[in-house]
Amino acid sequence: MTKEVHDSLLSDLQEFFKDDYSGHDFNHTMRVYKLANNIAIQEHANLEIVSLAALLHDVDDVKLTQSINYQNARLLMNKYGIDQATQEEVIAIIQDVSFKGNQSKSPSTLEGKIVQDADRLDAIGAIGIARAFTFGGNHNRPLYNDEKPERNMDETSYRQHQSSTINHFYEKLLLLKDMMNTECARVLADQRHQFMVNYLEEFFDEIEGKK
């Protein structure tokens, strides 16, 4: 990917995500892109594939768009003359990157594993906490309530499930640390996971009036 293509694609993505307030905005894409590239360098992966998949990983997300057969990613790659073999490798990564409850799976390639790790890292830690409450507010979810978290949901149940933002930590975010694929991501995930654990302890202390 030349610098000209890279810069033009970033401009397209900035326009694509300009109206997103769910935590899946252009800044999220760029954080995933930077994280994925940093991990790819350490893991000696194909930077071209990692970069493209990271940049395009959310353009066909079912939470954000009604696109069919990854049409947004395909349109953008066709626009910039990305060869068919590369396109199919990128699409294969995008298909597997999202969390799908107990039907989540790890991509088959190193490049896919790296993009999935980067996306999941952005869902935890300080940024992850901010994104969780942003998404919850955007989707009219309560901050917290007395409902118990749902465990072991399949993809359909997970997609349809409406829960409080605090329950989302137990239904997804606290599970991600043990789902990382690469050693680089595991190190980062440990730190971010502990930050969330500490935050939740403080949250419940304050809810119960202990602090």
N, C-alpha and C. Protein backbone atom coordinates (compact mmCIF):
# COMPACT_ATOMS: atom_id res chain seq x y z
N MET A 1 0.85 -1.19 0.00
CA MET A 1 0.00 0.00 0.00
C MET A 1 0.88 1.24 0.00
N THR A 2 0.78 2.04 -1.05
CA THR A 2 1.58 3.25 -1.14
C THR A 2 1.08 4.30 -0.14
N LYS A 3 1.90 5.31 0.10
CA LYS A 3 1.49 6.38 1.02
C LYS A 3 0.25 7.10 0.49
N GLU A 4 0.18 7.27 -0.82
CA GLU A 4 -0.97 7.95 -1.42
C GLU A 4 -2.26 7.15 -1.18
N VAL A 5 -2.19 5.84 -1.40
CA VAL A 5 -3.35 4.99 -1.17
C VAL A 5 -3.72 4.99 0.31
N HIS A 6 -2.70 4.84 1.15
CA HIS A 6 -2.90 4.84 2.61
C HIS A 6 -3.63 6.10 3.06
N ASP A 7 -3.15 7.26 2.63
CA ASP A 7 -3.74 8.53 3.06
C ASP A 7 -5.15 8.70 2.52
N SER A 8 -5.36 8.28 1.27
CA SER A 8 -6.69 8.39 0.67
C SER A 8 -7.68 7.45 1.36
N LEU A 9 -7.23 6.24 1.70
CA LEU A 9 -8.09 5.29 2.40
C LEU A 9 -8.46 5.82 3.78
N LEU A 10 -7.51 6.42 4.47
CA LEU A 10 -7.81 7.01 5.78
C LEU A 10 -8.87 8.11 5.65
N SER A 11 -8.79 8.88 4.60
CA SER A 11 -9.78 9.93 4.36
C SER A 11 -11.16 9.33 4.13
N ASP A 12 -11.20 8.23 3.37
CA ASP A 12 -12.47 7.53 3.14
C ASP A 12 -13.06 7.00 4.44
N LEU A 13 -12.20 6.44 5.27
CA LEU A 13 -12.67 5.86 6.53
C LEU A 13 -13.13 6.93 7.50
N GLN A 14 -12.45 8.05 7.50
CA GLN A 14 -12.86 9.16 8.35
C GLN A 14 -14.27 9.62 7.97
N GLU A 15 -14.54 9.67 6.68
CA GLU A 15 -15.87 10.03 6.20
C GLU A 15 -16.89 8.95 6.56
N PHE A 16 -16.49 7.68 6.41
CA PHE A 16 -17.39 6.56 6.66
C PHE A 16 -17.88 6.54 8.11
N PHE A 17 -16.98 6.83 9.05
CA PHE A 17 -17.31 6.73 10.47
C PHE A 17 -17.67 8.08 11.12
N LYS A 18 -17.86 9.11 10.31
CA LYS A 18 -18.02 10.45 10.88
C LYS A 18 -19.23 10.60 11.79
N ASP A 19 -20.27 9.79 11.57
CA ASP A 19 -21.48 9.91 12.37
C ASP A 19 -21.61 8.82 13.44
N ASP A 20 -20.54 8.11 13.70
CA ASP A 20 -20.60 7.05 14.70
C ASP A 20 -20.30 7.60 16.09
N TYR A 21 -21.20 7.29 17.02
CA TYR A 21 -21.00 7.69 18.41
C TYR A 21 -21.16 6.48 19.34
N SER A 22 -20.88 5.30 18.80
CA SER A 22 -21.05 4.06 19.56
C SER A 22 -19.74 3.52 20.12
N GLY A 23 -18.64 4.23 19.83
CA GLY A 23 -17.34 3.72 20.24
C GLY A 23 -16.63 2.95 19.14
N HIS A 24 -17.28 2.90 17.95
CA HIS A 24 -16.67 2.23 16.80
C HIS A 24 -16.33 3.27 15.73
N ASP A 25 -15.83 4.39 16.17
CA ASP A 25 -15.57 5.52 15.29
C ASP A 25 -14.20 5.40 14.62
N PHE A 26 -13.83 6.44 13.89
CA PHE A 26 -12.55 6.45 13.18
C PHE A 26 -11.37 6.34 14.14
N ASN A 27 -11.48 6.96 15.31
CA ASN A 27 -10.39 6.88 16.28
C ASN A 27 -10.18 5.43 16.76
N HIS A 28 -11.27 4.69 16.92
CA HIS A 28 -11.15 3.27 17.26
C HIS A 28 -10.39 2.53 16.16
N THR A 29 -10.77 2.77 14.92
CA THR A 29 -10.08 2.13 13.79
C THR A 29 -8.59 2.43 13.82
N MET A 30 -8.24 3.67 14.09
CA MET A 30 -6.83 4.05 14.08
C MET A 30 -6.07 3.42 15.26
N ARG A 31 -6.72 3.31 16.40
CA ARG A 31 -6.04 2.65 17.53
C ARG A 31 -5.78 1.17 17.21
N VAL A 32 -6.79 0.51 16.63
CA VAL A 32 -6.62 -0.89 16.26
C VAL A 32 -5.51 -1.02 15.21
N TYR A 33 -5.51 -0.13 14.25
CA TYR A 33 -4.49 -0.13 13.19
C TYR A 33 -3.08 0.01 13.78
N LYS A 34 -2.89 0.95 14.68
CA LYS A 34 -1.57 1.17 15.28
C LYS A 34 -1.15 0.00 16.15
N LEU A 35 -2.07 -0.50 16.97
CA LEU A 35 -1.77 -1.65 17.82
C LEU A 35 -1.41 -2.87 16.97
N ALA A 36 -2.22 -3.12 15.94
CA ALA A 36 -2.00 -4.28 15.08
C ALA A 36 -0.65 -4.20 14.40
N ASN A 37 -0.29 -3.02 13.92
CA ASN A 37 1.01 -2.88 13.26
C ASN A 37 2.16 -3.08 14.23
N ASN A 38 2.02 -2.57 15.45
CA ASN A 38 3.08 -2.77 16.45
C ASN A 38 3.26 -4.25 16.78
N ILE A 39 2.14 -4.96 16.92
CA ILE A 39 2.22 -6.40 17.21
C ILE A 39 2.78 -7.14 16.01
N ALA A 40 2.35 -6.75 14.80
CA ALA A 40 2.80 -7.42 13.58
C ALA A 40 4.31 -7.35 13.41
N ILE A 41 4.88 -6.21 13.75
CA ILE A 41 6.33 -6.05 13.64
C ILE A 41 7.04 -7.02 14.59
N GLN A 42 6.52 -7.14 15.81
CA GLN A 42 7.14 -8.04 16.79
C GLN A 42 6.93 -9.51 16.42
N GLU A 43 5.81 -9.80 15.76
CA GLU A 43 5.49 -11.18 15.41
C GLU A 43 5.95 -11.56 14.00
N HIS A 44 6.56 -10.61 13.30
CA HIS A 44 7.09 -10.84 11.94
C HIS A 44 5.98 -11.28 10.98
N ALA A 45 4.86 -10.57 11.04
CA ALA A 45 3.71 -10.88 10.19
C ALA A 45 3.74 -10.00 8.94
N ASN A 46 2.82 -10.28 8.02
CA ASN A 46 2.69 -9.52 6.77
C ASN A 46 2.00 -8.19 7.08
N LEU A 47 2.75 -7.10 7.03
CA LEU A 47 2.22 -5.80 7.42
C LEU A 47 1.15 -5.30 6.46
N GLU A 48 1.26 -5.64 5.19
CA GLU A 48 0.25 -5.21 4.21
C GLU A 48 -1.12 -5.76 4.57
N ILE A 49 -1.15 -7.06 4.86
CA ILE A 49 -2.42 -7.71 5.19
C ILE A 49 -2.95 -7.20 6.53
N VAL A 50 -2.08 -7.11 7.51
CA VAL A 50 -2.49 -6.63 8.83
C VAL A 50 -3.04 -5.21 8.75
N SER A 51 -2.35 -4.35 8.02
CA SER A 51 -2.78 -2.95 7.91
C SER A 51 -4.15 -2.84 7.27
N LEU A 52 -4.35 -3.52 6.14
CA LEU A 52 -5.62 -3.44 5.45
C LEU A 52 -6.76 -4.01 6.29
N ALA A 53 -6.54 -5.16 6.89
CA ALA A 53 -7.59 -5.79 7.69
C ALA A 53 -7.92 -4.95 8.92
N ALA A 54 -6.91 -4.36 9.54
CA ALA A 54 -7.16 -3.51 10.71
C ALA A 54 -7.97 -2.27 10.32
N LEU A 55 -7.61 -1.66 9.21
CA LEU A 55 -8.31 -0.46 8.78
C LEU A 55 -9.75 -0.74 8.37
N LEU A 56 -10.00 -1.93 7.83
CA LEU A 56 -11.33 -2.25 7.29
C LEU A 56 -12.17 -3.13 8.21
N HIS A 57 -11.67 -3.44 9.40
CA HIS A 57 -12.31 -4.48 10.20
C HIS A 57 -13.73 -4.14 10.64
N ASP A 58 -14.10 -2.86 10.68
CA ASP A 58 -15.43 -2.49 11.16
C ASP A 58 -16.37 -1.97 10.07
N VAL A 59 -15.92 -1.87 8.83
CA VAL A 59 -16.76 -1.22 7.82
C VAL A 59 -17.98 -2.07 7.45
N ASP A 60 -17.97 -3.34 7.80
CA ASP A 60 -19.13 -4.21 7.54
C ASP A 60 -19.65 -4.85 8.82
N ASP A 61 -19.31 -4.28 9.96
CA ASP A 61 -19.76 -4.82 11.24
C ASP A 61 -21.29 -4.78 11.32
N VAL A 62 -21.89 -5.89 11.72
CA VAL A 62 -23.35 -5.98 11.77
C VAL A 62 -23.95 -5.00 12.78
N LYS A 63 -23.16 -4.54 13.74
CA LYS A 63 -23.66 -3.57 14.71
C LYS A 63 -23.80 -2.18 14.09
N LEU A 64 -23.12 -1.97 12.96
CA LEU A 64 -23.02 -0.63 12.40
C LEU A 64 -23.65 -0.47 11.03
N THR A 65 -23.77 -1.55 10.29
CA THR A 65 -24.20 -1.45 8.90
C THR A 65 -25.01 -2.66 8.48
N GLN A 66 -25.79 -2.49 7.43
CA GLN A 66 -26.60 -3.58 6.89
C GLN A 66 -25.98 -4.15 5.62
N SER A 67 -24.70 -3.97 5.44
CA SER A 67 -24.05 -4.43 4.20
C SER A 67 -24.12 -5.94 4.07
N ILE A 68 -24.02 -6.40 2.84
CA ILE A 68 -24.09 -7.83 2.52
C ILE A 68 -22.77 -8.28 1.90
N ASN A 69 -22.29 -9.43 2.35
CA ASN A 69 -21.08 -10.03 1.77
C ASN A 69 -19.88 -9.08 1.79
N TYR A 70 -19.75 -8.33 2.89
CA TYR A 70 -18.59 -7.46 3.09
C TYR A 70 -18.40 -6.48 1.94
N GLN A 71 -19.53 -5.92 1.50
CA GLN A 71 -19.50 -5.07 0.32
C GLN A 71 -18.73 -3.78 0.53
N ASN A 72 -18.75 -3.24 1.73
CA ASN A 72 -18.02 -1.99 1.97
C ASN A 72 -16.51 -2.19 1.87
N ALA A 73 -16.02 -3.26 2.49
CA ALA A 73 -14.59 -3.56 2.40
C ALA A 73 -14.19 -3.85 0.96
N ARG A 74 -15.02 -4.60 0.26
CA ARG A 74 -14.71 -4.94 -1.13
C ARG A 74 -14.69 -3.69 -2.02
N LEU A 75 -15.65 -2.81 -1.81
CA LEU A 75 -15.70 -1.58 -2.61
C LEU A 75 -14.45 -0.74 -2.40
N LEU A 76 -14.03 -0.61 -1.15
CA LEU A 76 -12.84 0.19 -0.86
C LEU A 76 -11.58 -0.46 -1.43
N MET A 77 -11.47 -1.78 -1.31
CA MET A 77 -10.28 -2.43 -1.85
C MET A 77 -10.26 -2.40 -3.37
N ASN A 78 -11.42 -2.53 -3.99
CA ASN A 78 -11.49 -2.41 -5.45
C ASN A 78 -11.12 -1.00 -5.89
N LYS A 79 -11.57 -0.02 -5.13
CA LYS A 79 -11.27 1.38 -5.46
C LYS A 79 -9.77 1.61 -5.57
N TYR A 80 -9.00 0.92 -4.72
CA TYR A 80 -7.56 1.14 -4.70
C TYR A 80 -6.77 0.01 -5.37
N GLY A 81 -7.46 -0.81 -6.14
CA GLY A 81 -6.78 -1.80 -6.96
C GLY A 81 -6.10 -2.91 -6.18
N ILE A 82 -6.65 -3.26 -5.02
CA ILE A 82 -6.09 -4.34 -4.23
C ILE A 82 -6.38 -5.66 -4.94
N ASP A 83 -5.37 -6.49 -5.13
CA ASP A 83 -5.55 -7.73 -5.88
C ASP A 83 -6.50 -8.68 -5.16
N GLN A 84 -7.10 -9.60 -5.94
CA GLN A 84 -8.16 -10.46 -5.44
C GLN A 84 -7.69 -11.37 -4.31
N ALA A 85 -6.48 -11.91 -4.43
CA ALA A 85 -5.98 -12.81 -3.39
C ALA A 85 -5.86 -12.07 -2.05
N THR A 86 -5.35 -10.85 -2.09
CA THR A 86 -5.24 -10.05 -0.88
C THR A 86 -6.62 -9.72 -0.32
N GLN A 87 -7.54 -9.38 -1.21
CA GLN A 87 -8.90 -9.08 -0.77
C GLN A 87 -9.51 -10.24 0.00
N GLU A 88 -9.37 -11.45 -0.53
CA GLU A 88 -9.98 -12.61 0.11
C GLU A 88 -9.33 -12.90 1.46
N GLU A 89 -8.03 -12.66 1.56
CA GLU A 89 -7.35 -12.87 2.84
C GLU A 89 -7.83 -11.85 3.88
N VAL A 90 -8.02 -10.62 3.44
CA VAL A 90 -8.52 -9.57 4.34
C VAL A 90 -9.95 -9.87 4.77
N ILE A 91 -10.80 -10.28 3.83
CA ILE A 91 -12.19 -10.60 4.15
C ILE A 91 -12.26 -11.76 5.14
N ALA A 92 -11.41 -12.75 4.95
CA ALA A 92 -11.40 -13.90 5.87
C ALA A 92 -11.08 -13.45 7.29
N ILE A 93 -10.20 -12.48 7.43
CA ILE A 93 -9.86 -11.95 8.75
C ILE A 93 -11.04 -11.21 9.35
N ILE A 94 -11.66 -10.35 8.54
CA ILE A 94 -12.79 -9.55 9.02
C ILE A 94 -13.93 -10.45 9.48
N GLN A 95 -14.13 -11.57 8.81
CA GLN A 95 -15.21 -12.49 9.17
C GLN A 95 -15.07 -13.02 10.59
N ASP A 96 -13.85 -13.22 11.02
CA ASP A 96 -13.61 -13.90 12.30
C ASP A 96 -13.25 -12.98 13.45
N VAL A 97 -13.03 -11.69 13.16
CA VAL A 97 -12.41 -10.83 14.17
C VAL A 97 -13.34 -10.53 15.35
N SER A 98 -14.65 -10.46 15.12
CA SER A 98 -15.57 -10.01 16.17
C SER A 98 -15.83 -11.07 17.25
N PHE A 99 -16.19 -10.57 18.42
CA PHE A 99 -16.60 -11.44 19.53
C PHE A 99 -18.00 -11.96 19.23
N LYS A 100 -18.21 -13.27 19.38
CA LYS A 100 -19.48 -13.90 19.05
C LYS A 100 -19.92 -14.85 20.15
N GLY A 101 -19.75 -14.42 21.39
CA GLY A 101 -20.13 -15.26 22.50
C GLY A 101 -19.32 -16.54 22.51
N ASN A 102 -19.96 -17.65 22.84
CA ASN A 102 -19.22 -18.92 22.88
C ASN A 102 -18.94 -19.48 21.49
N GLN A 103 -19.36 -18.75 20.44
CA GLN A 103 -19.04 -19.16 19.08
C GLN A 103 -17.90 -18.33 18.49
N SER A 104 -17.25 -17.55 19.34
CA SER A 104 -16.08 -16.80 18.88
C SER A 104 -15.00 -17.78 18.44
N LYS A 105 -14.25 -17.38 17.42
CA LYS A 105 -13.15 -18.24 17.01
C LYS A 105 -11.93 -17.43 16.62
N SER A 106 -10.80 -18.06 16.71
CA SER A 106 -9.55 -17.42 16.38
C SER A 106 -9.30 -17.55 14.88
N PRO A 107 -8.91 -16.47 14.21
CA PRO A 107 -8.58 -16.57 12.78
C PRO A 107 -7.48 -17.59 12.52
N SER A 108 -7.45 -18.12 11.31
CA SER A 108 -6.51 -19.20 10.99
C SER A 108 -5.11 -18.70 10.69
N THR A 109 -4.96 -17.42 10.32
CA THR A 109 -3.65 -16.89 9.97
C THR A 109 -3.08 -16.03 11.10
N LEU A 110 -1.77 -15.89 11.11
CA LEU A 110 -1.12 -15.03 12.10
C LEU A 110 -1.63 -13.61 11.97
N GLU A 111 -1.79 -13.14 10.73
CA GLU A 111 -2.25 -11.78 10.50
C GLU A 111 -3.65 -11.57 11.09
N GLY A 112 -4.51 -12.56 10.90
CA GLY A 112 -5.85 -12.47 11.46
C GLY A 112 -5.84 -12.46 12.98
N LYS A 113 -5.00 -13.30 13.56
CA LYS A 113 -4.90 -13.35 15.02
C LYS A 113 -4.46 -12.00 15.57
N ILE A 114 -3.55 -11.35 14.87
CA ILE A 114 -3.03 -10.06 15.32
C ILE A 114 -4.11 -8.98 15.27
N VAL A 115 -4.87 -8.93 14.19
CA VAL A 115 -5.94 -7.94 14.08
C VAL A 115 -7.01 -8.19 15.13
N GLN A 116 -7.34 -9.44 15.35
CA GLN A 116 -8.32 -9.76 16.39
C GLN A 116 -7.80 -9.33 17.76
N ASP A 117 -6.55 -9.59 18.04
CA ASP A 117 -5.96 -9.18 19.32
C ASP A 117 -6.02 -7.66 19.48
N ALA A 118 -5.67 -6.93 18.43
CA ALA A 118 -5.67 -5.46 18.51
C ALA A 118 -7.08 -4.92 18.75
N ASP A 119 -8.06 -5.49 18.08
CA ASP A 119 -9.44 -5.07 18.27
C ASP A 119 -9.91 -5.36 19.69
N ARG A 120 -9.54 -6.51 20.20
CA ARG A 120 -9.95 -6.88 21.56
C ARG A 120 -9.21 -6.08 22.61
N LEU A 121 -7.98 -5.74 22.36
CA LEU A 121 -7.25 -4.89 23.30
C LEU A 121 -7.91 -3.52 23.43
N ASP A 122 -8.49 -3.03 22.33
CA ASP A 122 -9.14 -1.72 22.38
C ASP A 122 -10.48 -1.80 23.09
N ALA A 123 -10.94 -3.01 23.41
CA ALA A 123 -12.20 -3.18 24.14
C ALA A 123 -11.98 -3.30 25.64
N ILE A 124 -10.72 -3.30 26.09
CA ILE A 124 -10.45 -3.45 27.51
C ILE A 124 -9.53 -2.33 27.99
N GLY A 125 -9.30 -2.29 29.29
CA GLY A 125 -8.48 -1.23 29.85
C GLY A 125 -9.24 0.09 29.95
N ALA A 126 -8.50 1.18 30.06
CA ALA A 126 -9.12 2.51 30.21
C ALA A 126 -9.98 2.86 29.02
N ILE A 127 -9.45 2.63 27.81
CA ILE A 127 -10.22 2.90 26.60
C ILE A 127 -11.45 2.00 26.55
N GLY A 128 -11.27 0.74 26.91
CA GLY A 128 -12.39 -0.20 26.89
C GLY A 128 -13.52 0.22 27.80
N ILE A 129 -13.18 0.72 28.99
CA ILE A 129 -14.20 1.20 29.93
C ILE A 129 -14.96 2.37 29.31
N ALA A 130 -14.22 3.32 28.74
CA ALA A 130 -14.86 4.47 28.11
C ALA A 130 -15.76 4.04 26.96
N ARG A 131 -15.29 3.11 26.15
CA ARG A 131 -16.08 2.64 25.01
C ARG A 131 -17.32 1.89 25.46
N ALA A 132 -17.19 1.12 26.53
CA ALA A 132 -18.35 0.35 27.02
C ALA A 132 -19.48 1.28 27.42
N PHE A 133 -19.18 2.33 28.15
CA PHE A 133 -20.22 3.25 28.57
C PHE A 133 -20.72 4.12 27.42
N THR A 134 -19.85 4.41 26.46
CA THR A 134 -20.28 5.12 25.27
C THR A 134 -21.29 4.28 24.49
N PHE A 135 -20.96 3.00 24.28
CA PHE A 135 -21.85 2.10 23.55
C PHE A 135 -23.17 1.92 24.30
N GLY A 136 -23.08 1.75 25.60
CA GLY A 136 -24.28 1.56 26.40
C GLY A 136 -25.22 2.76 26.31
N GLY A 137 -24.67 3.95 26.44
CA GLY A 137 -25.49 5.15 26.33
C GLY A 137 -26.07 5.31 24.94
N ASN A 138 -25.27 5.00 23.92
CA ASN A 138 -25.72 5.10 22.54
C ASN A 138 -26.86 4.15 22.24
N HIS A 139 -26.93 3.03 22.99
CA HIS A 139 -27.96 2.02 22.76
C HIS A 139 -28.99 1.96 23.90
N ASN A 140 -29.07 3.06 24.65
CA ASN A 140 -30.09 3.20 25.70
C ASN A 140 -30.04 2.09 26.74
N ARG A 141 -28.86 1.66 27.08
CA ARG A 141 -28.71 0.61 28.10
C ARG A 141 -28.49 1.24 29.47
N PRO A 142 -29.03 0.65 30.52
CA PRO A 142 -28.81 1.21 31.86
C PRO A 142 -27.35 1.07 32.29
N LEU A 143 -26.91 1.95 33.13
CA LEU A 143 -25.56 1.88 33.68
C LEU A 143 -25.35 0.56 34.40
N TYR A 144 -26.27 0.26 35.31
CA TYR A 144 -26.24 -1.01 36.03
C TYR A 144 -27.65 -1.28 36.55
N ASN A 145 -27.91 -2.52 36.90
CA ASN A 145 -29.19 -2.88 37.51
C ASN A 145 -28.99 -4.17 38.31
N ASP A 146 -30.08 -4.77 38.75
CA ASP A 146 -29.99 -5.96 39.60
C ASP A 146 -29.97 -7.26 38.80
N GLU A 147 -30.05 -7.17 37.49
CA GLU A 147 -30.04 -8.39 36.67
C GLU A 147 -28.66 -9.04 36.71
N LYS A 148 -28.64 -10.36 36.74
CA LYS A 148 -27.38 -11.10 36.73
C LYS A 148 -26.84 -11.18 35.30
N PRO A 149 -25.53 -11.18 35.14
CA PRO A 149 -24.96 -11.35 33.79
C PRO A 149 -25.34 -12.71 33.20
N GLU A 150 -25.50 -12.74 31.88
CA GLU A 150 -25.76 -13.99 31.18
C GLU A 150 -24.42 -14.65 30.85
N ARG A 151 -24.34 -15.93 31.06
CA ARG A 151 -23.09 -16.65 30.80
C ARG A 151 -23.24 -17.57 29.60
N ASN A 152 -22.16 -17.76 28.89
CA ASN A 152 -22.08 -18.78 27.84
C ASN A 152 -23.14 -18.61 26.75
N MET A 153 -23.28 -17.39 26.23
CA MET A 153 -24.23 -17.13 25.15
C MET A 153 -23.65 -17.49 23.79
N ASP A 154 -24.51 -18.01 22.88
CA ASP A 154 -24.06 -18.23 21.51
C ASP A 154 -24.14 -16.89 20.77
N GLU A 155 -23.76 -16.88 19.48
CA GLU A 155 -23.69 -15.62 18.75
C GLU A 155 -25.04 -14.92 18.68
N THR A 156 -26.09 -15.66 18.34
CA THR A 156 -27.41 -15.06 18.22
C THR A 156 -27.89 -14.48 19.54
N SER A 157 -27.72 -15.25 20.62
CA SER A 157 -28.13 -14.77 21.94
C SER A 157 -27.34 -13.53 22.34
N TYR A 158 -26.04 -13.56 22.05
CA TYR A 158 -25.20 -12.42 22.40
C TYR A 158 -25.63 -11.16 21.64
N ARG A 159 -25.92 -11.31 20.35
CA ARG A 159 -26.32 -10.16 19.54
C ARG A 159 -27.66 -9.58 20.00
N GLN A 160 -28.55 -10.43 20.41
CA GLN A 160 -29.91 -10.00 20.76
C GLN A 160 -30.03 -9.56 22.22
N HIS A 161 -29.05 -9.93 23.02
CA HIS A 161 -29.12 -9.69 24.45
C HIS A 161 -29.02 -8.21 24.79
N GLN A 162 -29.93 -7.73 25.61
CA GLN A 162 -29.89 -6.35 26.09
C GLN A 162 -29.58 -6.39 27.58
N SER A 163 -28.50 -5.77 27.96
CA SER A 163 -28.07 -5.85 29.35
C SER A 163 -27.51 -4.51 29.78
N SER A 164 -27.24 -4.37 31.07
CA SER A 164 -26.61 -3.15 31.56
C SER A 164 -25.15 -3.11 31.12
N THR A 165 -24.58 -1.93 31.13
CA THR A 165 -23.17 -1.80 30.76
C THR A 165 -22.27 -2.54 31.74
N ILE A 166 -22.59 -2.51 33.02
CA ILE A 166 -21.77 -3.23 33.99
C ILE A 166 -21.81 -4.73 33.71
N ASN A 167 -22.98 -5.27 33.37
CA ASN A 167 -23.05 -6.69 33.03
C ASN A 167 -22.20 -7.02 31.82
N HIS A 168 -22.05 -6.07 30.90
CA HIS A 168 -21.25 -6.29 29.70
C HIS A 168 -19.79 -6.63 30.04
N PHE A 169 -19.32 -6.08 31.16
CA PHE A 169 -17.96 -6.42 31.59
C PHE A 169 -17.85 -7.93 31.84
N TYR A 170 -18.86 -8.50 32.47
CA TYR A 170 -18.82 -9.91 32.84
C TYR A 170 -19.22 -10.83 31.69
N GLU A 171 -19.97 -10.28 30.76
CA GLU A 171 -20.43 -11.08 29.61
C GLU A 171 -19.43 -11.08 28.46
N LYS A 172 -18.54 -10.10 28.45
CA LYS A 172 -17.53 -10.05 27.37
C LYS A 172 -16.16 -9.55 27.83
N LEU A 173 -16.10 -8.34 28.33
CA LEU A 173 -14.82 -7.66 28.48
C LEU A 173 -13.82 -8.39 29.37
N LEU A 174 -14.30 -8.95 30.47
CA LEU A 174 -13.39 -9.66 31.38
C LEU A 174 -12.98 -11.03 30.85
N LEU A 175 -13.62 -11.46 29.77
CA LEU A 175 -13.27 -12.74 29.15
C LEU A 175 -12.14 -12.60 28.13
N LEU A 176 -11.91 -11.39 27.66
CA LEU A 176 -11.02 -11.20 26.52
C LEU A 176 -9.55 -11.48 26.82
N LYS A 177 -9.13 -11.24 28.05
CA LYS A 177 -7.72 -11.46 28.39
C LYS A 177 -7.28 -12.88 28.03
N ASP A 178 -8.12 -13.85 28.31
CA ASP A 178 -7.76 -15.24 28.07
C ASP A 178 -8.04 -15.70 26.65
N MET A 179 -8.47 -14.77 25.79
CA MET A 179 -8.75 -15.10 24.40
C MET A 179 -7.73 -14.51 23.44
N MET A 180 -6.67 -13.89 23.99
CA MET A 180 -5.64 -13.31 23.13
C MET A 180 -4.84 -14.42 22.43
N ASN A 181 -4.40 -14.11 21.23
CA ASN A 181 -3.71 -15.09 20.39
C ASN A 181 -2.19 -15.01 20.47
N THR A 182 -1.65 -13.81 20.62
CA THR A 182 -0.20 -13.61 20.56
C THR A 182 0.37 -13.24 21.92
N GLU A 183 1.62 -13.53 22.11
CA GLU A 183 2.27 -13.23 23.38
C GLU A 183 2.31 -11.73 23.63
N CYS A 184 2.56 -10.96 22.59
CA CYS A 184 2.58 -9.50 22.73
C CYS A 184 1.26 -8.99 23.28
N ALA A 185 0.17 -9.51 22.74
CA ALA A 185 -1.16 -9.07 23.17
C ALA A 185 -1.46 -9.53 24.58
N ARG A 186 -1.00 -10.71 24.94
CA ARG A 186 -1.25 -11.23 26.30
C ARG A 186 -0.64 -10.31 27.35
N VAL A 187 0.55 -9.82 27.09
CA VAL A 187 1.22 -8.92 28.04
C VAL A 187 0.40 -7.64 28.21
N LEU A 188 -0.03 -7.06 27.11
CA LEU A 188 -0.83 -5.83 27.17
C LEU A 188 -2.19 -6.10 27.82
N ALA A 189 -2.77 -7.25 27.50
CA ALA A 189 -4.09 -7.59 28.02
C ALA A 189 -4.07 -7.75 29.53
N ASP A 190 -3.01 -8.32 30.08
CA ASP A 190 -2.90 -8.49 31.54
C ASP A 190 -3.02 -7.15 32.25
N GLN A 191 -2.32 -6.15 31.73
CA GLN A 191 -2.34 -4.82 32.35
C GLN A 191 -3.73 -4.19 32.24
N ARG A 192 -4.30 -4.28 31.06
CA ARG A 192 -5.61 -3.65 30.83
C ARG A 192 -6.72 -4.37 31.61
N HIS A 193 -6.62 -5.69 31.69
CA HIS A 193 -7.60 -6.46 32.44
C HIS A 193 -7.58 -6.06 33.91
N GLN A 194 -6.40 -5.95 34.49
CA GLN A 194 -6.30 -5.60 35.90
C GLN A 194 -6.87 -4.20 36.17
N PHE A 195 -6.68 -3.30 35.21
CA PHE A 195 -7.24 -1.96 35.35
C PHE A 195 -8.76 -2.03 35.44
N MET A 196 -9.39 -2.89 34.64
CA MET A 196 -10.85 -3.05 34.69
C MET A 196 -11.29 -3.67 36.00
N VAL A 197 -10.54 -4.66 36.47
CA VAL A 197 -10.88 -5.30 37.76
C VAL A 197 -10.84 -4.26 38.87
N ASN A 198 -9.81 -3.44 38.88
CA ASN A 198 -9.70 -2.39 39.90
C ASN A 198 -10.84 -1.38 39.78
N TYR A 199 -11.18 -1.05 38.55
CA TYR A 199 -12.27 -0.10 38.33
C TYR A 199 -13.59 -0.65 38.88
N LEU A 200 -13.88 -1.90 38.60
CA LEU A 200 -15.13 -2.50 39.05
C LEU A 200 -15.20 -2.58 40.58
N GLU A 201 -14.07 -2.87 41.20
CA GLU A 201 -14.04 -2.88 42.67
C GLU A 201 -14.39 -1.50 43.22
N GLU A 202 -13.81 -0.46 42.62
CA GLU A 202 -14.10 0.91 43.03
C GLU A 202 -15.57 1.25 42.75
N PHE A 203 -16.06 0.84 41.60
CA PHE A 203 -17.44 1.11 41.20
C PHE A 203 -18.42 0.55 42.23
N PHE A 204 -18.25 -0.69 42.59
CA PHE A 204 -19.19 -1.32 43.52
C PHE A 204 -19.03 -0.78 44.95
N ASP A 205 -17.81 -0.40 45.33
CA ASP A 205 -17.62 0.24 46.63
C ASP A 205 -18.41 1.55 46.70
N GLU A 206 -18.36 2.30 45.60
CA GLU A 206 -19.08 3.57 45.58
C GLU A 206 -20.59 3.36 45.53
N ILE A 207 -21.04 2.35 44.77
CA ILE A 207 -22.47 2.05 44.70
C ILE A 207 -23.01 1.69 46.09
N GLU A 208 -22.21 0.95 46.86
CA GLU A 208 -22.64 0.50 48.18
C GLU A 208 -22.37 1.53 49.28
N GLY A 209 -21.84 2.69 48.87
CA GLY A 209 -21.61 3.77 49.83
C GLY A 209 -20.42 3.54 50.74
N LYS A 210 -19.48 2.69 50.32
CA LYS A 210 -18.32 2.42 51.15
C LYS A 210 -17.26 3.50 51.02
N LYS A 211 -17.34 4.28 49.96
CA LYS A 211 -16.33 5.32 49.73
C LYS A 211 -17.02 6.64 49.36
